[in-house]
Amino acid sequence: MPKKTPPSVVNNQNATDKIAAAILAFIGKIPDSARQKDASPSNASRVVAGSAAGKAARTAGLLALLPGPLGWLTILPELIAVWKIQAKMVSDIAATYGKKSTLTQEQMLYCLFRHTAAQAVRDIVVRVGERFLIRRASLKTLQMVAQGVGVHVTQRAIGKGISRWLPIVGAAGVGAYAYYDTGRVAATAIELFEKEITIEPQAGEVA
């Protein structure tokens, strides 16, 4: 009797579309932050990052505990839950640098996904010497970026799905990866916000 193959939610366009839609939905509203500009934003940002990384690890680890087929159903909720934690962290880091009021969807996409899908976000945030140029994107461009990110995330989710068949070991690994991933997001955000940022208007907007 042939072995059953675990149900795959990742190796098809439908999965990528769902991930892209989820990304567009949660970046549509930049999270609020109660933090103020800090005299030592780098140190304050690292405190924010450590707290967020711990929360992301716990959240991802708990959602990865469900075994087998049920575990596959938690992959997208887990991704979204971690991204929301990371998005709040990015907002808080921007606030410590006094740049919360100018935080855009493009910057959020860049911070969250530069380390996993650099090609997808390379045209919306560009480093020029010692400053960053933010290119305001149309809805169509944002959709294309989200699709590009979705392809990379979908491929990575294969490993997440396999971990559901080894729940305890898998949960520990998923939690550890979420901690590491959140640290990478924080490093990108700190690098971005400590530099001068120029926001390029969309076509038709007045600069």
Protein backbone atom coordinates (compact mmCIF):
# COMPACT_ATOMS: atom_id res chain seq x y z
CA MET A 1 0.00 0.00 0.00
CA PRO A 2 1.55 3.34 -1.03
CA LYS A 3 2.45 5.85 1.68
CA LYS A 4 0.10 8.75 2.16
CA THR A 5 1.59 12.09 1.21
CA PRO A 6 0.87 14.87 3.72
CA PRO A 7 -1.65 17.34 2.30
CA SER A 8 0.26 20.22 0.77
CA VAL A 9 -0.95 23.77 1.22
CA VAL A 10 2.14 25.32 -0.23
CA ASN A 11 2.98 23.95 -3.64
CA ASN A 12 0.28 25.70 -5.62
CA GLN A 13 -0.80 29.13 -6.77
CA ASN A 14 -3.84 29.14 -4.49
CA ALA A 15 -1.63 29.03 -1.40
CA THR A 16 0.54 31.88 -2.71
CA ASP A 17 -2.58 33.94 -3.45
CA LYS A 18 -3.87 33.41 0.08
CA ILE A 19 -0.56 34.45 1.60
CA ALA A 20 -0.35 37.53 -0.64
CA ALA A 21 -3.92 38.51 0.30
CA ALA A 22 -3.10 38.09 4.00
CA ILE A 23 -0.03 40.34 3.63
CA LEU A 24 -2.02 43.08 1.89
CA ALA A 25 -4.75 42.88 4.52
CA PHE A 26 -2.55 43.34 7.56
CA ILE A 27 -0.25 46.04 6.11
CA GLY A 28 -3.32 48.05 5.11
CA LYS A 29 -3.34 49.58 8.59
CA ILE A 30 -0.04 50.53 10.18
CA PRO A 31 -0.14 49.54 13.89
CA ASP A 32 -0.28 52.35 16.44
CA SER A 33 2.56 52.89 18.90
CA ALA A 34 2.47 54.51 22.31
CA ARG A 35 6.24 54.98 22.29
CA GLN A 36 7.90 58.37 22.04
CA LYS A 37 11.16 59.41 20.40
CA ASP A 38 13.96 58.05 22.57
CA ALA A 39 17.25 59.72 23.44
CA SER A 40 18.95 56.37 22.74
CA PRO A 41 16.78 54.85 20.00
CA SER A 42 19.21 52.04 19.17
CA ASN A 43 19.16 50.69 22.75
CA ALA A 44 15.40 51.20 23.09
CA SER A 45 14.83 49.40 19.79
CA ARG A 46 16.81 46.39 20.94
CA VAL A 47 14.64 46.15 24.05
CA VAL A 48 11.54 46.30 21.83
CA ALA A 49 13.03 43.65 19.54
CA GLY A 50 13.84 41.26 22.38
CA SER A 51 10.31 41.46 23.75
CA ALA A 52 8.74 40.98 20.31
CA ALA A 53 11.03 38.05 19.47
CA GLY A 54 10.04 36.25 22.66
CA LYS A 55 6.35 36.83 21.98
CA ALA A 56 6.69 35.65 18.37
CA ALA A 57 8.51 32.49 19.48
CA ARG A 58 5.82 31.61 22.02
CA THR A 59 2.99 32.31 19.58
CA ALA A 60 4.51 30.30 16.72
CA GLY A 61 5.52 27.42 19.01
CA LEU A 62 2.04 27.07 20.46
CA LEU A 63 0.37 27.08 17.04
CA ALA A 64 2.84 24.44 15.81
CA LEU A 65 1.88 21.96 18.55
CA LEU A 66 -1.10 20.52 16.67
CA PRO A 67 0.00 17.28 14.98
CA GLY A 68 -0.50 15.93 11.47
CA PRO A 69 -3.22 17.25 9.16
CA LEU A 70 -4.62 19.60 11.82
CA GLY A 71 -1.20 21.20 12.06
CA TRP A 72 -1.25 22.11 8.37
CA LEU A 73 -4.31 24.25 9.04
CA THR A 74 -2.37 26.40 11.51
CA ILE A 75 0.43 27.41 9.12
CA LEU A 76 -1.23 30.53 7.68
CA PRO A 77 -2.65 31.67 11.06
CA GLU A 78 0.82 31.22 12.54
CA LEU A 79 2.43 33.29 9.80
CA ILE A 80 -0.12 36.07 10.18
CA ALA A 81 0.15 36.09 13.99
CA VAL A 82 3.95 36.41 13.83
CA TRP A 83 3.78 39.08 11.12
CA LYS A 84 1.38 41.14 13.24
CA ILE A 85 3.77 40.95 16.19
CA GLN A 86 6.62 41.99 13.91
CA ALA A 87 4.58 44.82 12.37
CA LYS A 88 3.85 46.23 15.84
CA MET A 89 7.55 45.95 16.62
CA VAL A 90 8.47 47.87 13.45
CA SER A 91 5.97 50.59 14.40
CA ASP A 92 7.47 50.83 17.90
CA ILE A 93 11.01 51.00 16.53
CA ALA A 94 9.98 53.74 14.08
CA ALA A 95 8.48 55.65 17.02
CA THR A 96 11.70 55.43 19.07
CA TYR A 97 13.49 57.09 16.13
CA GLY A 98 10.75 59.73 15.84
CA LYS A 99 9.60 58.41 12.46
CA LYS A 100 6.25 56.78 13.26
CA SER A 101 4.28 59.54 11.52
CA THR A 102 6.05 58.87 8.21
CA LEU A 103 5.91 55.06 8.38
CA THR A 104 4.36 53.73 5.17
CA GLN A 105 3.18 50.37 3.83
CA GLU A 106 6.26 50.25 1.62
CA GLN A 107 8.57 50.61 4.62
CA MET A 108 6.59 47.97 6.51
CA LEU A 109 6.88 45.49 3.63
CA TYR A 110 10.59 46.20 3.38
CA CYS A 111 11.25 45.67 7.08
CA LEU A 112 9.19 42.48 7.33
CA PHE A 113 10.37 40.73 4.18
CA ARG A 114 13.70 42.14 3.01
CA HIS A 115 15.63 39.25 4.58
CA THR A 116 13.41 36.55 3.08
CA ALA A 117 12.35 38.07 -0.26
CA ALA A 118 14.84 40.80 -1.12
CA GLN A 119 14.04 40.68 -4.84
CA ALA A 120 10.35 41.31 -4.18
CA VAL A 121 10.91 44.51 -2.19
CA ARG A 122 14.01 45.90 -3.87
CA ASP A 123 12.14 48.45 -6.02
CA ILE A 124 10.05 50.06 -3.27
CA VAL A 125 12.86 50.89 -0.82
CA VAL A 126 16.26 51.78 -2.22
CA ARG A 127 19.39 52.71 -0.31
CA VAL A 128 21.20 55.69 -1.85
CA GLY A 129 24.43 56.35 0.01
CA GLU A 130 23.55 57.23 3.61
CA ARG A 131 19.82 57.62 3.04
CA PHE A 132 16.87 55.50 1.95
CA LEU A 133 14.50 56.41 -0.85
CA ILE A 134 10.93 55.16 -0.38
CA ARG A 135 9.04 54.82 -3.63
CA ARG A 136 5.31 55.12 -3.04
CA ALA A 137 3.63 52.18 -4.72
CA SER A 138 0.27 51.87 -6.43
CA LEU A 139 -2.14 49.17 -5.31
CA LYS A 140 -1.12 47.10 -8.34
CA THR A 141 2.56 47.38 -7.37
CA LEU A 142 1.80 46.42 -3.77
CA GLN A 143 -0.11 43.40 -5.05
CA MET A 144 2.86 42.37 -7.20
CA VAL A 145 5.23 42.75 -4.25
CA ALA A 146 2.90 40.72 -2.02
CA GLN A 147 2.75 37.99 -4.68
CA GLY A 148 6.54 37.92 -4.89
CA VAL A 149 6.81 37.63 -1.12
CA GLY A 150 4.08 35.00 -1.17
CA VAL A 151 6.10 32.76 -3.49
CA HIS A 152 9.09 32.79 -1.11
CA VAL A 153 6.94 32.30 1.98
CA THR A 154 5.04 29.47 0.30
CA GLN A 155 8.29 27.62 -0.42
CA ARG A 156 9.46 28.07 3.16
CA ALA A 157 6.12 26.80 4.46
CA ILE A 158 6.95 23.33 3.12
CA GLY A 159 9.35 22.92 6.02
CA LYS A 160 6.79 24.27 8.44
CA GLY A 161 4.27 21.72 7.21
CA ILE A 162 6.68 18.85 7.68
CA SER A 163 7.34 19.98 11.25
CA ARG A 164 3.65 19.42 12.05
CA TRP A 165 4.29 15.66 11.81
CA LEU A 166 6.78 15.91 14.71
CA PRO A 167 4.83 18.27 16.98
CA ILE A 168 7.07 18.65 20.04
CA VAL A 169 10.37 18.82 18.16
CA GLY A 170 8.67 20.79 15.41
CA ALA A 171 7.13 23.33 17.80
CA ALA A 172 10.51 24.04 19.37
CA GLY A 173 12.07 24.55 15.95
CA VAL A 174 9.23 26.75 14.72
CA GLY A 175 9.45 28.88 17.87
CA ALA A 176 13.22 29.23 17.53
CA TYR A 177 12.88 30.26 13.89
CA ALA A 178 10.22 32.87 14.76
CA TYR A 179 12.60 34.32 17.37
CA TYR A 180 15.44 34.48 14.85
CA ASP A 181 13.20 35.84 12.09
CA THR A 182 11.89 38.62 14.34
CA GLY A 183 15.46 39.59 15.16
CA ARG A 184 16.22 39.91 11.45
CA VAL A 185 13.16 42.13 10.96
CA ALA A 186 14.28 44.31 13.87
CA ALA A 187 17.80 44.66 12.42
CA THR A 188 16.35 45.81 9.08
CA ALA A 189 14.05 48.31 10.81
CA ILE A 190 16.88 49.76 12.90
CA GLU A 191 19.10 50.08 9.82
CA LEU A 192 16.28 51.85 7.96
CA PHE A 193 15.11 54.27 10.64
CA GLU A 194 18.54 55.39 11.81
CA LYS A 195 19.20 56.77 8.32
CA GLU A 196 17.65 59.74 6.55
CA ILE A 197 14.47 58.71 4.73
CA THR A 198 13.13 60.41 1.61
CA ILE A 199 9.62 59.50 0.49
CA GLU A 200 9.10 59.78 -3.24
CA PRO A 201 5.52 60.80 -4.16
CA GLN A 202 3.37 58.68 -6.42
CA ALA A 203 2.81 59.87 -9.95
CA GLY A 204 0.22 62.65 -9.83
CA GLU A 205 0.95 63.60 -6.20
CA VAL A 206 2.48 66.93 -5.26
CA ALA A 207 5.84 66.49 -3.53
